[in-house]
Each structure stands twice: as structure tokens, then as C-alpha cells.
Amino acid sequence: MTHQLDVPAEEIVRVDGLLATAPARTAVELARRVDRPRSLAVLDAALRTGTVTGDDLAGQTERQAGRPGIVQVRKLLPLADARAESPMESVTRLLCLTAGLPAPELQYEVRDEFG
């Protein structure tokens, strides 16, 4: 089965001379196609790059309204956090939140008398 999708010109960028979709679009496209834990990890990673903002992701989510998996992305977007440093950190955070536990503090520094 073949699907065709028109990508608006403003969502196409060049990377090392090759055409690609813009980072926010790529992140939302991927996040809507995977399970919830991986979706959050994708959103966290996109924010961590520093090239994508929460507003960028929210705007892209609105532009993809009605597409499969977009509701999942819309629900996870408020949980996305650029401080997450690995996919498993994102997965663990989602498990904690789903279980009703308080949101974990990411990158919390623990020091003893030796630093």
C-alpha cells in the first residue's frame, strides 16, 4: 500500500545538501507512530536538541490534527521535558506519572561530603 502526503514548503529543510522534513515535523511524525513510552522519549529528545521548542511541537501537533496517533502526541506533549537524557529516563518518568506518583525531578544533583 502506498500513501502520499504533501509536505508544506516551510516544513522542508536542507541537511548536508539533502532535503528533509523540519525537526518539529519529524519528531511529531515519529511520536505518533510509536507506543506511548517511545513517543514521550521522541518528544523529550526533540526538545533536548535545542532546535525545537514546545511551541514548535504544539504547532506541528495542530497541523497534523486528525492523523493517526496525534491524540497520543497531544496528551504527551505537556509531559515532554528537554532535561531527559535517555529514552529509558523518559519511559521511567512516564511509568511514574501513570502510576500516580509525583513527577520525578530530572537531573537532580546528589552530593556527599566529597562532592
Protein backbone atom coordinates (compact mmCIF):
# COMPACT_ATOMS: atom_id res chain seq x y z
CA MET A 1 0.00 0.00 0.00
CA THR A 2 1.34 3.41 -0.91
CA HIS A 3 0.43 6.64 0.85
CA GLN A 4 1.16 10.09 -0.46
CA LEU A 5 1.44 13.22 1.64
CA ASP A 6 2.10 16.78 0.58
CA VAL A 7 4.56 18.47 2.93
CA PRO A 8 4.32 22.27 3.01
CA ALA A 9 7.46 24.01 1.74
CA GLU A 10 8.06 25.72 5.10
CA GLU A 11 8.38 22.26 6.71
CA ILE A 12 11.18 21.16 4.39
CA VAL A 13 14.81 21.90 5.22
CA ARG A 14 18.21 21.02 3.79
CA VAL A 15 20.59 18.95 5.87
CA ASP A 16 24.04 18.48 4.36
CA GLY A 17 22.52 19.22 0.96
CA LEU A 18 19.69 16.70 1.31
CA LEU A 19 16.01 17.56 1.66
CA ALA A 20 14.38 16.53 4.93
CA THR A 21 11.37 17.46 6.98
CA ALA A 22 11.87 20.12 9.65
CA PRO A 23 12.81 18.81 13.12
CA ALA A 24 9.42 19.51 14.76
CA ARG A 25 7.54 17.80 11.95
CA THR A 26 9.90 14.81 12.03
CA ALA A 27 9.50 14.47 15.81
CA VAL A 28 5.70 14.59 15.72
CA GLU A 29 5.53 12.21 12.73
CA LEU A 30 7.66 9.70 14.62
CA ALA A 31 5.98 10.24 18.00
CA ARG A 32 2.54 9.50 16.59
CA ARG A 33 3.70 6.18 15.09
CA VAL A 34 5.22 4.53 18.18
CA ASP A 35 3.88 3.43 21.57
CA ARG A 36 3.38 5.92 24.42
CA PRO A 37 6.75 5.44 26.17
CA ARG A 38 8.73 5.78 22.95
CA SER A 39 6.56 8.69 21.89
CA LEU A 40 7.49 10.61 25.03
CA ALA A 41 11.16 9.72 24.50
CA VAL A 42 10.97 11.16 20.96
CA LEU A 43 9.39 14.40 22.21
CA ASP A 44 11.95 14.70 25.02
CA ALA A 45 14.82 14.13 22.57
CA ALA A 46 13.45 16.71 20.14
CA LEU A 47 13.32 19.32 22.91
CA ARG A 48 16.79 18.33 24.13
CA THR A 49 18.34 19.20 20.75
CA GLY A 50 17.60 22.86 21.41
CA THR A 51 16.40 23.32 17.82
CA VAL A 52 12.78 22.52 18.69
CA THR A 53 10.58 24.25 21.27
CA GLY A 54 7.40 23.15 22.96
CA ASP A 55 5.57 25.73 20.85
CA ASP A 56 7.06 24.21 17.69
CA LEU A 57 5.81 20.76 18.69
CA ALA A 58 2.39 22.10 19.70
CA GLY A 59 2.03 23.90 16.38
CA GLN A 60 3.02 20.81 14.45
CA THR A 61 0.56 18.75 16.51
CA GLU A 62 -2.22 21.13 15.49
CA ARG A 63 -1.19 20.98 11.82
CA GLN A 64 -1.38 17.18 11.97
CA ALA A 65 -4.82 17.15 13.63
CA GLY A 66 -6.87 14.16 12.55
CA ARG A 67 -3.91 11.99 11.63
CA PRO A 68 -3.49 8.59 13.30
CA GLY A 69 -1.68 8.76 16.65
CA ILE A 70 -1.92 12.53 17.02
CA VAL A 71 -4.17 12.33 20.10
CA GLN A 72 -1.43 10.38 21.89
CA VAL A 73 1.12 13.06 20.99
CA ARG A 74 -1.21 15.85 22.11
CA LYS A 75 -1.67 14.15 25.52
CA LEU A 76 2.06 13.54 25.99
CA LEU A 77 3.24 16.97 24.90
CA PRO A 78 2.72 18.60 28.34
CA LEU A 79 4.94 15.88 29.86
CA ALA A 80 7.83 16.37 27.41
CA ASP A 81 10.99 17.66 29.07
CA ALA A 82 14.30 18.66 27.50
CA ARG A 83 16.18 17.61 30.64
CA ALA A 84 15.61 13.89 29.93
CA GLU A 85 18.94 12.45 28.83
CA SER A 86 17.92 8.98 27.64
CA PRO A 87 14.90 7.11 26.32
CA MET A 88 14.76 4.94 29.45
CA GLU A 89 14.65 8.05 31.61
CA SER A 90 11.60 9.18 29.61
CA VAL A 91 9.99 5.73 29.92
CA THR A 92 10.59 5.60 33.67
CA ARG A 93 9.16 9.09 34.13
CA LEU A 94 6.03 8.11 32.20
CA LEU A 95 5.64 4.95 34.30
CA CYS A 96 5.87 7.01 37.50
CA LEU A 97 3.32 9.56 36.27
CA THR A 98 0.95 6.86 35.00
CA ALA A 99 1.12 5.16 38.42
CA GLY A 100 0.03 8.43 40.07
CA LEU A 101 3.41 9.20 41.60
CA PRO A 102 4.71 12.77 41.70
CA ALA A 103 6.73 13.91 38.72
CA PRO A 104 10.38 12.93 39.25
CA GLU A 105 12.93 15.73 39.44
CA LEU A 106 15.16 15.30 36.41
CA GLN A 107 18.92 15.67 36.71
CA TYR A 108 18.73 16.13 40.46
CA GLU A 109 22.23 16.53 41.87
CA VAL A 110 23.18 14.34 44.81
CA ARG A 111 26.36 15.27 46.64
CA ASP A 112 28.09 13.91 49.69
CA GLU A 113 30.88 15.38 51.81
CA PHE A 114 33.35 14.56 48.99
CA GLY A 115 31.38 16.41 46.33
